[in-house]
Amino acid sequence: MALDNLVQVSDADFEDIVLKSSLPVVVDFYADWCPPCKMMAPGFAELSSDYAGKMLFAKYNVDDGVRGKEYGIRSIPTLVLFDSGKDVQRHTGGLVKPQLKQLIEGWLRREP
C-alpha cells in the first residue's frame, strides 16, 4: 500500500503542507501515548491511499509543537479539515475505518 498521500507535519512545514495545499487536508492531531489515536491510525493510513488526488492526509503530534494549542485542540485524537488554508470542519474522538470513511465522504460532499 502506497502511503504517499499520508504525511507527518511539524510546526516547521505545517503552513507549506497544510495551509497552502491546493487540496483539502485532513489533519490528525494525535500523540504517541494516546490509545484511541493508536486505534485510529491504521484506518487513517489506509484511507489516505483511497483518497489520493482528492484530499491530503496529515498527522501532527501535539507533543512536538504548538499548532495543537493554536487551533484549540483540547482532546485527542481530533481530526481537522483544512480547505484553502482555513479550519472548516472538525471531529474529536477515535473512529474505526468505516466511521472515518463516512466522515471523510461527508466532508468531501459539503457545500462551499
PDB file of N, CA and C in Angstrom:
ATOM      1  N   MET A   1       0.841  -1.174   0.000  1.00  0.00           N
ATOM      2  CA  MET A   1       0.000   0.000   0.000  1.00  0.00           C
ATOM      3  C   MET A   1       0.885   1.235   0.000  1.00  0.00           C
ATOM      4  N   ALA A   2       0.663   2.111  -0.950  1.00  0.00           N
ATOM      5  CA  ALA A   2       1.435   3.354  -1.012  1.00  0.00           C
ATOM      6  C   ALA A   2       0.826   4.375  -0.077  1.00  0.00           C
ATOM      7  N   LEU A   3       1.656   4.966   0.757  1.00  0.00           N
ATOM      8  CA  LEU A   3       1.171   5.973   1.689  1.00  0.00           C
ATOM      9  C   LEU A   3       1.699   7.356   1.320  1.00  0.00           C
ATOM     10  N   ASP A   4       1.888   7.610   0.029  1.00  0.00           N
ATOM     11  CA  ASP A   4       2.392   8.897  -0.429  1.00  0.00           C
ATOM     12  C   ASP A   4       1.449  10.039  -0.089  1.00  0.00           C
ATOM     13  N   ASN A   5       0.188   9.724   0.155  1.00  0.00           N
ATOM     14  CA  ASN A   5      -0.817  10.736   0.458  1.00  0.00           C
ATOM     15  C   ASN A   5      -0.960  10.956   1.961  1.00  0.00           C
ATOM     16  N   LEU A   6      -0.098  10.340   2.759  1.00  0.00           N
ATOM     17  CA  LEU A   6      -0.095  10.498   4.215  1.00  0.00           C
ATOM     18  C   LEU A   6       1.244  11.098   4.609  1.00  0.00           C
ATOM     19  N   VAL A   7       1.196  12.286   5.212  1.00  0.00           N
ATOM     20  CA  VAL A   7       2.434  12.968   5.578  1.00  0.00           C
ATOM     21  C   VAL A   7       2.425  13.328   7.059  1.00  0.00           C
ATOM     22  N   GLN A   8       3.600  13.284   7.642  1.00  0.00           N
ATOM     23  CA  GLN A   8       3.805  13.751   9.004  1.00  0.00           C
ATOM     24  C   GLN A   8       4.179  15.220   8.900  1.00  0.00           C
ATOM     25  N   VAL A   9       3.460  16.091   9.617  1.00  0.00           N
ATOM     26  CA  VAL A   9       3.761  17.520   9.579  1.00  0.00           C
ATOM     27  C   VAL A   9       4.225  17.997  10.949  1.00  0.00           C
ATOM     28  N   SER A  10       4.992  19.070  10.924  1.00  0.00           N
ATOM     29  CA  SER A  10       5.513  19.682  12.142  1.00  0.00           C
ATOM     30  C   SER A  10       5.236  21.175  12.066  1.00  0.00           C
ATOM     31  N   ASP A  11       5.612  21.892  13.103  1.00  0.00           N
ATOM     32  CA  ASP A  11       5.464  23.345  13.074  1.00  0.00           C
ATOM     33  C   ASP A  11       6.201  23.953  11.885  1.00  0.00           C
ATOM     34  N   ALA A  12       7.360  23.399  11.561  1.00  0.00           N
ATOM     35  CA  ALA A  12       8.203  23.955  10.503  1.00  0.00           C
ATOM     36  C   ALA A  12       7.568  23.879   9.118  1.00  0.00           C
ATOM     37  N   ASP A  13       6.811  22.814   8.844  1.00  0.00           N
ATOM     38  CA  ASP A  13       6.256  22.659   7.499  1.00  0.00           C
ATOM     39  C   ASP A  13       4.726  22.697   7.444  1.00  0.00           C
ATOM     40  N   PHE A  14       4.070  22.958   8.571  1.00  0.00           N
ATOM     41  CA  PHE A  14       2.608  22.966   8.636  1.00  0.00           C
ATOM     42  C   PHE A  14       2.010  23.946   7.623  1.00  0.00           C
ATOM     43  N   GLU A  15       2.540  25.141   7.583  1.00  0.00           N
ATOM     44  CA  GLU A  15       1.998  26.152   6.672  1.00  0.00           C
ATOM     45  C   GLU A  15       2.133  25.713   5.221  1.00  0.00           C
ATOM     46  N   ASP A  16       3.306  25.267   4.826  1.00  0.00           N
ATOM     47  CA  ASP A  16       3.533  24.871   3.432  1.00  0.00           C
ATOM     48  C   ASP A  16       2.711  23.657   3.025  1.00  0.00           C
ATOM     49  N   ILE A  17       2.624  22.666   3.898  1.00  0.00           N
ATOM     50  CA  ILE A  17       1.933  21.428   3.539  1.00  0.00           C
ATOM     51  C   ILE A  17       0.426  21.524   3.728  1.00  0.00           C
ATOM     52  N   VAL A  18      -0.009  22.061   4.854  1.00  0.00           N
ATOM     53  CA  VAL A  18      -1.436  22.074   5.180  1.00  0.00           C
ATOM     54  C   VAL A  18      -2.135  23.336   4.677  1.00  0.00           C
ATOM     55  N   LEU A  19      -1.642  24.483   5.077  1.00  0.00           N
ATOM     56  CA  LEU A  19      -2.353  25.729   4.800  1.00  0.00           C
ATOM     57  C   LEU A  19      -2.257  26.175   3.340  1.00  0.00           C
ATOM     58  N   LYS A  20      -1.213  25.793   2.647  1.00  0.00           N
ATOM     59  CA  LYS A  20      -1.046  26.195   1.250  1.00  0.00           C
ATOM     60  C   LYS A  20      -1.405  25.097   0.261  1.00  0.00           C
ATOM     61  N   SER A  21      -1.977  24.010   0.731  1.00  0.00           N
ATOM     62  CA  SER A  21      -2.329  22.887  -0.146  1.00  0.00           C
ATOM     63  C   SER A  21      -3.449  23.270  -1.109  1.00  0.00           C
ATOM     64  N   SER A  22      -3.340  22.792  -2.339  1.00  0.00           N
ATOM     65  CA  SER A  22      -4.402  23.003  -3.319  1.00  0.00           C
ATOM     66  C   SER A  22      -5.567  22.033  -3.080  1.00  0.00           C
ATOM     67  N   LEU A  23      -5.317  20.983  -2.313  1.00  0.00           N
ATOM     68  CA  LEU A  23      -6.354  20.005  -1.953  1.00  0.00           C
ATOM     69  C   LEU A  23      -6.825  20.265  -0.526  1.00  0.00           C
ATOM     70  N   PRO A  24      -8.042  19.832  -0.193  1.00  0.00           N
ATOM     71  CA  PRO A  24      -8.419  19.833   1.222  1.00  0.00           C
ATOM     72  C   PRO A  24      -7.447  18.917   1.976  1.00  0.00           C
ATOM     73  N   VAL A  25      -7.168  19.239   3.229  1.00  0.00           N
ATOM     74  CA  VAL A  25      -6.245  18.448   4.044  1.00  0.00           C
ATOM     75  C   VAL A  25      -6.941  18.072   5.348  1.00  0.00           C
ATOM     76  N   VAL A  26      -6.955  16.790   5.672  1.00  0.00           N
ATOM     77  CA  VAL A  26      -7.445  16.356   6.972  1.00  0.00           C
ATOM     78  C   VAL A  26      -6.221  16.085   7.836  1.00  0.00           C
ATOM     79  N   VAL A  27      -6.169  16.774   8.978  1.00  0.00           N
ATOM     80  CA  VAL A  27      -5.037  16.636   9.893  1.00  0.00           C
ATOM     81  C   VAL A  27      -5.495  15.868  11.117  1.00  0.00           C
ATOM     82  N   ASP A  28      -4.769  14.812  11.423  1.00  0.00           N
ATOM     83  CA  ASP A  28      -4.990  14.021  12.636  1.00  0.00           C
ATOM     84  C   ASP A  28      -4.058  14.582  13.708  1.00  0.00           C
ATOM     85  N   PHE A  29      -4.631  15.331  14.656  1.00  0.00           N
ATOM     86  CA  PHE A  29      -3.876  15.815  15.809  1.00  0.00           C
ATOM     87  C   PHE A  29      -3.876  14.670  16.822  1.00  0.00           C
ATOM     88  N   TYR A  30      -2.697  14.137  17.123  1.00  0.00           N
ATOM     89  CA  TYR A  30      -2.572  12.923  17.923  1.00  0.00           C
ATOM     90  C   TYR A  30      -1.365  13.020  18.850  1.00  0.00           C
ATOM     91  N   ALA A  31      -1.175  11.970  19.664  1.00  0.00           N
ATOM     92  CA  ALA A  31       0.038  11.794  20.471  1.00  0.00           C
ATOM     93  C   ALA A  31       0.360  10.303  20.491  1.00  0.00           C
ATOM     94  N   ASP A  32       1.653  10.000  20.599  1.00  0.00           N
ATOM     95  CA  ASP A  32       2.089   8.598  20.590  1.00  0.00           C
ATOM     96  C   ASP A  32       1.545   7.795  21.765  1.00  0.00           C
ATOM     97  N   TRP A  33       1.289   8.436  22.888  1.00  0.00           N
ATOM     98  CA  TRP A  33       0.841   7.745  24.102  1.00  0.00           C
ATOM     99  C   TRP A  33      -0.676   7.550  24.160  1.00  0.00           C
ATOM    100  N   CYS A  34      -1.412   8.033  23.183  1.00  0.00           N
ATOM    101  CA  CYS A  34      -2.886   8.060  23.190  1.00  0.00           C
ATOM    102  C   CYS A  34      -3.468   6.771  22.607  1.00  0.00           C
ATOM    103  N   PRO A  35      -4.131   5.917  23.418  1.00  0.00           N
ATOM    104  CA  PRO A  35      -4.708   4.669  22.898  1.00  0.00           C
ATOM    105  C   PRO A  35      -5.733   4.867  21.769  1.00  0.00           C
ATOM    106  N   PRO A  36      -6.694   5.802  21.882  1.00  0.00           N
ATOM    107  CA  PRO A  36      -7.620   5.972  20.752  1.00  0.00           C
ATOM    108  C   PRO A  36      -6.903   6.425  19.470  1.00  0.00           C
ATOM    109  N   CYS A  37      -5.826   7.195  19.619  1.00  0.00           N
ATOM    110  CA  CYS A  37      -5.044   7.626  18.456  1.00  0.00           C
ATOM    111  C   CYS A  37      -4.410   6.422  17.778  1.00  0.00           C
ATOM    112  N   LYS A  38      -3.858   5.516  18.582  1.00  0.00           N
ATOM    113  CA  LYS A  38      -3.232   4.310  18.041  1.00  0.00           C
ATOM    114  C   LYS A  38      -4.259   3.422  17.349  1.00  0.00           C
ATOM    115  N   MET A  39      -5.461   3.346  17.921  1.00  0.00           N
ATOM    116  CA  MET A  39      -6.536   2.531  17.355  1.00  0.00           C
ATOM    117  C   MET A  39      -6.973   3.076  15.989  1.00  0.00           C
ATOM    118  N   MET A  40      -6.976   4.390  15.852  1.00  0.00           N
ATOM    119  CA  MET A  40      -7.466   5.019  14.630  1.00  0.00           C
ATOM    120  C   MET A  40      -6.410   5.060  13.514  1.00  0.00           C
ATOM    121  N   ALA A  41      -5.143   4.994  13.874  1.00  0.00           N
ATOM    122  CA  ALA A  41      -4.045   5.204  12.914  1.00  0.00           C
ATOM    123  C   ALA A  41      -4.081   4.277  11.692  1.00  0.00           C
ATOM    124  N   PRO A  42      -4.297   2.971  11.841  1.00  0.00           N
ATOM    125  CA  PRO A  42      -4.279   2.115  10.640  1.00  0.00           C
ATOM    126  C   PRO A  42      -5.372   2.480   9.630  1.00  0.00           C
ATOM    127  N   GLY A  43      -6.570   2.743  10.095  1.00  0.00           N
ATOM    128  CA  GLY A  43      -7.660   3.126   9.187  1.00  0.00           C
ATOM    129  C   GLY A  43      -7.386   4.446   8.505  1.00  0.00           C
ATOM    130  N   PHE A  44      -6.829   5.396   9.245  1.00  0.00           N
ATOM    131  CA  PHE A  44      -6.478   6.703   8.692  1.00  0.00           C
ATOM    132  C   PHE A  44      -5.442   6.530   7.577  1.00  0.00           C
ATOM    133  N   ALA A  45      -4.439   5.700   7.832  1.00  0.00           N
ATOM    134  CA  ALA A  45      -3.390   5.442   6.834  1.00  0.00           C
ATOM    135  C   ALA A  45      -3.956   4.761   5.592  1.00  0.00           C
ATOM    136  N   GLU A  46      -4.822   3.776   5.781  1.00  0.00           N
ATOM    137  CA  GLU A  46      -5.405   3.069   4.647  1.00  0.00           C
ATOM    138  C   GLU A  46      -6.270   3.998   3.798  1.00  0.00           C
ATOM    139  N   LEU A  47      -7.056   4.840   4.446  1.00  0.00           N
ATOM    140  CA  LEU A  47      -7.921   5.753   3.704  1.00  0.00           C
ATOM    141  C   LEU A  47      -7.127   6.809   2.952  1.00  0.00           C
ATOM    142  N   SER A  48      -5.945   7.134   3.435  1.00  0.00           N
ATOM    143  CA  SER A  48      -5.130   8.130   2.735  1.00  0.00           C
ATOM    144  C   SER A  48      -4.856   7.688   1.304  1.00  0.00           C
ATOM    145  N   SER A  49      -4.667   6.405   1.088  1.00  0.00           N
ATOM    146  CA  SER A  49      -4.442   5.892  -0.272  1.00  0.00           C
ATOM    147  C   SER A  49      -5.715   5.971  -1.111  1.00  0.00           C
ATOM    148  N   ASP A  50      -6.851   5.680  -0.489  1.00  0.00           N
ATOM    149  CA  ASP A  50      -8.131   5.697  -1.201  1.00  0.00           C
ATOM    150  C   ASP A  50      -8.498   7.082  -1.721  1.00  0.00           C
ATOM    151  N   TYR A  51      -8.049   8.122  -1.042  1.00  0.00           N
ATOM    152  CA  TYR A  51      -8.445   9.492  -1.396  1.00  0.00           C
ATOM    153  C   TYR A  51      -7.317  10.299  -2.041  1.00  0.00           C
ATOM    154  N   ALA A  52      -6.288   9.627  -2.499  1.00  0.00           N
ATOM    155  CA  ALA A  52      -5.192  10.317  -3.187  1.00  0.00           C
ATOM    156  C   ALA A  52      -5.754  11.121  -4.354  1.00  0.00           C
ATOM    157  N   GLY A  53      -5.326  12.360  -4.467  1.00  0.00           N
ATOM    158  CA  GLY A  53      -5.796  13.241  -5.527  1.00  0.00           C
ATOM    159  C   GLY A  53      -7.051  14.016  -5.173  1.00  0.00           C
ATOM    160  N   LYS A  54      -7.738  13.602  -4.095  1.00  0.00           N
ATOM    161  CA  LYS A  54      -8.958  14.289  -3.655  1.00  0.00           C
ATOM    162  C   LYS A  54      -8.748  15.032  -2.348  1.00  0.00           C
ATOM    163  N   MET A  55      -7.924  14.456  -1.480  1.00  0.00           N
ATOM    164  CA  MET A  55      -7.699  15.005  -0.148  1.00  0.00           C
ATOM    165  C   MET A  55      -6.350  14.515   0.345  1.00  0.00           C
ATOM    166  N   LEU A  56      -5.611  15.397   0.999  1.00  0.00           N
ATOM    167  CA  LEU A  56      -4.333  15.035   1.599  1.00  0.00           C
ATOM    168  C   LEU A  56      -4.567  14.671   3.063  1.00  0.00           C
ATOM    169  N   PHE A  57      -3.865  13.662   3.544  1.00  0.00           N
ATOM    170  CA  PHE A  57      -3.962  13.218   4.929  1.00  0.00           C
ATOM    171  C   PHE A  57      -2.657  13.563   5.633  1.00  0.00           C
ATOM    172  N   ALA A  58      -2.760  14.215   6.793  1.00  0.00           N
ATOM    173  CA  ALA A  58      -1.567  14.619   7.540  1.00  0.00           C
ATOM    174  C   ALA A  58      -1.728  14.254   9.002  1.00  0.00           C
ATOM    175  N   LYS A  59      -0.597  13.973   9.638  1.00  0.00           N
ATOM    176  CA  LYS A  59      -0.574  13.675  11.069  1.00  0.00           C
ATOM    177  C   LYS A  59       0.308  14.709  11.751  1.00  0.00           C
ATOM    178  N   TYR A  60      -0.190  15.215  12.881  1.00  0.00           N
ATOM    179  CA  TYR A  60       0.549  16.215  13.646  1.00  0.00           C
ATOM    180  C   TYR A  60       0.580  15.774  15.109  1.00  0.00           C
ATOM    181  N   ASN A  61       1.780  15.535  15.630  1.00  0.00           N
ATOM    182  CA  ASN A  61       1.942  15.108  17.017  1.00  0.00           C
ATOM    183  C   ASN A  61       1.882  16.339  17.915  1.00  0.00           C
ATOM    184  N   VAL A  62       0.849  16.409  18.751  1.00  0.00           N
ATOM    185  CA  VAL A  62       0.637  17.597  19.597  1.00  0.00           C
ATOM    186  C   VAL A  62       1.737  17.770  20.649  1.00  0.00           C
ATOM    187  N   ASP A  63       2.486  16.718  20.933  1.00  0.00           N
ATOM    188  CA  ASP A  63       3.574  16.823  21.908  1.00  0.00           C
ATOM    189  C   ASP A  63       4.835  17.453  21.316  1.00  0.00           C
ATOM    190  N   ASP A  64       4.861  17.609  20.001  1.00  0.00           N
ATOM    191  CA  ASP A  64       6.071  18.084  19.330  1.00  0.00           C
ATOM    192  C   ASP A  64       5.999  19.531  18.858  1.00  0.00           C
ATOM    193  N   GLY A  65       4.937  20.240  19.163  1.00  0.00           N
ATOM    194  CA  GLY A  65       4.842  21.615  18.671  1.00  0.00           C
ATOM    195  C   GLY A  65       3.672  22.376  19.269  1.00  0.00           C
ATOM    196  N   VAL A  66       3.394  23.531  18.671  1.00  0.00           N
ATOM    197  CA  VAL A  66       2.394  24.448  19.213  1.00  0.00           C
ATOM    198  C   VAL A  66       1.114  24.540  18.387  1.00  0.00           C
ATOM    199  N   ARG A  67       1.053  23.877  17.261  1.00  0.00           N
ATOM    200  CA  ARG A  67      -0.137  24.003  16.406  1.00  0.00           C
ATOM    201  C   ARG A  67      -1.408  23.492  17.086  1.00  0.00           C
ATOM    202  N   GLY A  68      -1.285  22.474  17.930  1.00  0.00           N
ATOM    203  CA  GLY A  68      -2.452  21.984  18.654  1.00  0.00           C
ATOM    204  C   GLY A  68      -3.076  23.082  19.503  1.00  0.00           C
ATOM    205  N   LYS A  69      -2.256  23.804  20.238  1.00  0.00           N
ATOM    206  CA  LYS A  69      -2.755  24.927  21.048  1.00  0.00           C
ATOM    207  C   LYS A  69      -3.305  26.028  20.154  1.00  0.00           C
ATOM    208  N   GLU A  70      -2.592  26.317  19.076  1.00  0.00           N
ATOM    209  CA  GLU A  70      -3.010  27.375  18.154  1.00  0.00           C
ATOM    210  C   GLU A  70      -4.416  27.124  17.611  1.00  0.00           C
ATOM    211  N   TYR A  71      -4.750  25.856  17.348  1.00  0.00           N
ATOM    212  CA  TYR A  71      -6.060  25.509  16.805  1.00  0.00           C
ATOM    213  C   TYR A  71      -7.045  25.035  17.869  1.00  0.00           C
ATOM    214  N   GLY A  72      -6.713  25.240  19.128  1.00  0.00           N
ATOM    215  CA  GLY A  72      -7.647  24.937  20.209  1.00  0.00           C
ATOM    216  C   GLY A  72      -7.913  23.462  20.409  1.00  0.00           C
ATOM    217  N   ILE A  73      -6.946  22.618  20.110  1.00  0.00           N
ATOM    218  CA  ILE A  73      -7.113  21.175  20.304  1.00  0.00           C
ATOM    219  C   ILE A  73      -6.998  20.884  21.795  1.00  0.00           C
ATOM    220  N   ARG A  74      -8.081  20.402  22.373  1.00  0.00           N
ATOM    221  CA  ARG A  74      -8.116  20.129  23.810  1.00  0.00           C
ATOM    222  C   ARG A  74      -8.234  18.642  24.121  1.00  0.00           C
ATOM    223  N   SER A  75      -8.544  17.869  23.110  1.00  0.00           N
ATOM    224  CA  SER A  75      -8.711  16.427  23.278  1.00  0.00           C
ATOM    225  C   SER A  75      -8.195  15.755  22.009  1.00  0.00           C
ATOM    226  N   ILE A  76      -7.584  14.598  22.194  1.00  0.00           N
ATOM    227  CA  ILE A  76      -7.077  13.868  21.034  1.00  0.00           C
ATOM    228  C   ILE A  76      -7.633  12.447  21.045  1.00  0.00           C
ATOM    229  N   PRO A  77      -7.769  11.856  19.876  1.00  0.00           N
ATOM    230  CA  PRO A  77      -7.488  12.420  18.572  1.00  0.00           C
ATOM    231  C   PRO A  77      -8.552  13.441  18.154  1.00  0.00           C
ATOM    232  N   THR A  78      -8.114  14.455  17.436  1.00  0.00           N
ATOM    233  CA  THR A  78      -9.013  15.410  16.792  1.00  0.00           C
ATOM    234  C   THR A  78      -8.609  15.506  15.336  1.00  0.00           C
ATOM    235  N   LEU A  79      -9.584  15.326  14.468  1.00  0.00           N
ATOM    236  CA  LEU A  79      -9.378  15.487  13.033  1.00  0.00           C
ATOM    237  C   LEU A  79      -9.882  16.869  12.643  1.00  0.00           C
ATOM    238  N   VAL A  80      -9.066  17.604  11.916  1.00  0.00           N
ATOM    239  CA  VAL A  80      -9.450  18.933  11.448  1.00  0.00           C
ATOM    240  C   VAL A  80      -9.306  18.967   9.936  1.00  0.00           C
ATOM    241  N   LEU A  81     -10.362  19.406   9.265  1.00  0.00           N
ATOM    242  CA  LEU A  81     -10.331  19.570   7.818  1.00  0.00           C
ATOM    243  C   LEU A  81      -9.965  21.013   7.506  1.00  0.00           C
ATOM    244  N   PHE A  82      -8.893  21.170   6.744  1.00  0.00           N
ATOM    245  CA  PHE A  82      -8.462  22.480   6.272  1.00  0.00           C
ATOM    246  C   PHE A  82      -8.757  22.555   4.777  1.00  0.00           C
ATOM    247  N   ASP A  83      -9.355  23.651   4.365  1.00  0.00           N
ATOM    248  CA  ASP A  83      -9.616  23.880   2.949  1.00  0.00           C
ATOM    249  C   ASP A  83      -9.253  25.330   2.654  1.00  0.00           C
ATOM    250  N   SER A  84      -8.409  25.531   1.666  1.00  0.00           N
ATOM    251  CA  SER A  84      -7.920  26.868   1.312  1.00  0.00           C
ATOM    252  C   SER A  84      -7.299  27.559   2.525  1.00  0.00           C
ATOM    253  N   GLY A  85      -6.597  26.779   3.346  1.00  0.00           N
ATOM    254  CA  GLY A  85      -5.891  27.326   4.498  1.00  0.00           C
ATOM    255  C   GLY A  85      -6.742  27.604   5.715  1.00  0.00           C
ATOM    256  N   LYS A  86      -8.024  27.252   5.659  1.00  0.00           N
ATOM    257  CA  LYS A  86      -8.931  27.527   6.778  1.00  0.00           C
ATOM    258  C   LYS A  86      -9.411  26.237   7.433  1.00  0.00           C
ATOM    259  N   ASP A  87      -9.555  26.295   8.755  1.00  0.00           N
ATOM    260  CA  ASP A  87     -10.122  25.209   9.566  1.00  0.00           C
ATOM    261  C   ASP A  87     -11.630  25.248   9.323  1.00  0.00           C
ATOM    262  N   VAL A  88     -12.160  24.252   8.584  1.00  0.00           N
ATOM    263  CA  VAL A  88     -13.571  24.311   8.200  1.00  0.00           C
ATOM    264  C   VAL A  88     -14.461  23.254   8.856  1.00  0.00           C
ATOM    265  N   GLN A  89     -13.880  22.165   9.308  1.00  0.00           N
ATOM    266  CA  GLN A  89     -14.655  21.098   9.960  1.00  0.00           C
ATOM    267  C   GLN A  89     -13.747  20.411  10.960  1.00  0.00           C
ATOM    268  N   ARG A  90     -14.343  19.804  11.990  1.00  0.00           N
ATOM    269  CA  ARG A  90     -13.537  19.009  12.911  1.00  0.00           C
ATOM    270  C   ARG A  90     -14.370  17.913  13.566  1.00  0.00           C
ATOM    271  N   HIS A  91     -13.642  16.913  14.019  1.00  0.00           N
ATOM    272  CA  HIS A  91     -14.242  15.793  14.763  1.00  0.00           C
ATOM    273  C   HIS A  91     -13.262  15.383  15.851  1.00  0.00           C
ATOM    274  N   THR A  92     -13.773  15.236  17.066  1.00  0.00           N
ATOM    275  CA  THR A  92     -12.941  14.791  18.181  1.00  0.00           C
ATOM    276  C   THR A  92     -13.372  13.403  18.607  1.00  0.00           C
ATOM    277  N   GLY A  93     -12.388  12.536  18.818  1.00  0.00           N
ATOM    278  CA  GLY A  93     -12.649  11.172  19.270  1.00  0.00           C
ATOM    279  C   GLY A  93     -12.194  10.154  18.237  1.00  0.00           C
ATOM    280  N   GLY A  94     -11.857   8.982  18.726  1.00  0.00           N
ATOM    281  CA  GLY A  94     -11.381   7.919  17.853  1.00  0.00           C
ATOM    282  C   GLY A  94     -12.492   7.327  17.009  1.00  0.00           C
ATOM    283  N   LEU A  95     -12.156   6.945  15.802  1.00  0.00           N
ATOM    284  CA  LEU A  95     -13.096   6.323  14.877  1.00  0.00           C
ATOM    285  C   LEU A  95     -12.434   5.103  14.243  1.00  0.00           C
ATOM    286  N   VAL A  96     -13.238   4.081  13.971  1.00  0.00           N
ATOM    287  CA  VAL A  96     -12.739   2.940  13.213  1.00  0.00           C
ATOM    288  C   VAL A  96     -12.882   3.270  11.725  1.00  0.00           C
ATOM    289  N   LYS A  97     -12.231   2.496  10.881  1.00  0.00           N
ATOM    290  CA  LYS A  97     -12.148   2.820   9.453  1.00  0.00           C
ATOM    291  C   LYS A  97     -13.496   3.126   8.799  1.00  0.00           C
ATOM    292  N   PRO A  98     -14.554   2.313   8.997  1.00  0.00           N
ATOM    293  CA  PRO A  98     -15.827   2.643   8.338  1.00  0.00           C
ATOM    294  C   PRO A  98     -16.380   4.008   8.790  1.00  0.00           C
ATOM    295  N   GLN A  99     -16.200   4.337  10.061  1.00  0.00           N
ATOM    296  CA  GLN A  99     -16.656   5.640  10.558  1.00  0.00           C
ATOM    297  C   GLN A  99     -15.818   6.768   9.969  1.00  0.00           C
ATOM    298  N   LEU A 100     -14.512   6.546   9.887  1.00  0.00           N
ATOM    299  CA  LEU A 100     -13.625   7.537   9.266  1.00  0.00           C
ATOM    300  C   LEU A 100     -14.030   7.784   7.818  1.00  0.00           C
ATOM    301  N   LYS A 101     -14.292   6.708   7.094  1.00  0.00           N
ATOM    302  CA  LYS A 101     -14.680   6.832   5.690  1.00  0.00           C
ATOM    303  C   LYS A 101     -15.969   7.632   5.563  1.00  0.00           C
ATOM    304  N   GLN A 102     -16.926   7.362   6.417  1.00  0.00           N
ATOM    305  CA  GLN A 102     -18.197   8.091   6.384  1.00  0.00           C
ATOM    306  C   GLN A 102     -17.970   9.587   6.662  1.00  0.00           C
ATOM    307  N   LEU A 103     -17.119   9.889   7.630  1.00  0.00           N
ATOM    308  CA  LEU A 103     -16.800  11.282   7.955  1.00  0.00           C
ATOM    309  C   LEU A 103     -16.137  11.971   6.765  1.00  0.00           C
ATOM    310  N   ILE A 104     -15.137  11.321   6.175  1.00  0.00           N
ATOM    311  CA  ILE A 104     -14.409  11.892   5.037  1.00  0.00           C
ATOM    312  C   ILE A 104     -15.353  12.114   3.854  1.00  0.00           C
ATOM    313  N   GLU A 105     -16.188  11.139   3.569  1.00  0.00           N
ATOM    314  CA  GLU A 105     -17.154  11.276   2.468  1.00  0.00           C
ATOM    315  C   GLU A 105     -18.071  12.476   2.702  1.00  0.00           C
ATOM    316  N   GLY A 106     -18.542  12.636   3.930  1.00  0.00           N
ATOM    317  CA  GLY A 106     -19.384  13.789   4.256  1.00  0.00           C
ATOM    318  C   GLY A 106     -18.664  15.099   4.067  1.00  0.00           C
ATOM    319  N   TRP A 107     -17.403  15.131   4.466  1.00  0.00           N
ATOM    320  CA  TRP A 107     -16.621  16.357   4.309  1.00  0.00           C
ATOM    321  C   TRP A 107     -16.394  16.673   2.831  1.00  0.00           C
ATOM    322  N   LEU A 108     -16.159  15.656   2.009  1.00  0.00           N
ATOM    323  CA  LEU A 108     -15.928  15.900   0.591  1.00  0.00           C
ATOM    324  C   LEU A 108     -17.186  16.380  -0.126  1.00  0.00           C
ATOM    325  N   ARG A 109     -18.373  16.011   0.364  1.00  0.00           N
ATOM    326  CA  ARG A 109     -19.637  16.407  -0.252  1.00  0.00           C
ATOM    327  C   ARG A 109     -20.146  17.751   0.242  1.00  0.00           C
ATOM    328  N   ARG A 110     -19.489  18.344   1.224  1.00  0.00           N
ATOM    329  CA  ARG A 110     -20.015  19.558   1.842  1.00  0.00           C
ATOM    330  C   ARG A 110     -20.158  20.691   0.823  1.00  0.00           C
ATOM    331  N   GLU A 111     -21.079  21.568   1.120  1.00  0.00           N
ATOM    332  CA  GLU A 111     -21.289  22.753   0.284  1.00  0.00           C
ATOM    333  C   GLU A 111     -20.232  23.798   0.639  1.00  0.00           C
ATOM    334  N   PRO A 112     -19.770  24.580  -0.335  1.00  0.00           N
ATOM    335  CA  PRO A 112     -18.774  25.617  -0.060  1.00  0.00           C
ATOM    336  C   PRO A 112     -19.313  26.712   0.855  1.00  0.00           C
TER     337      PRO A 112
END
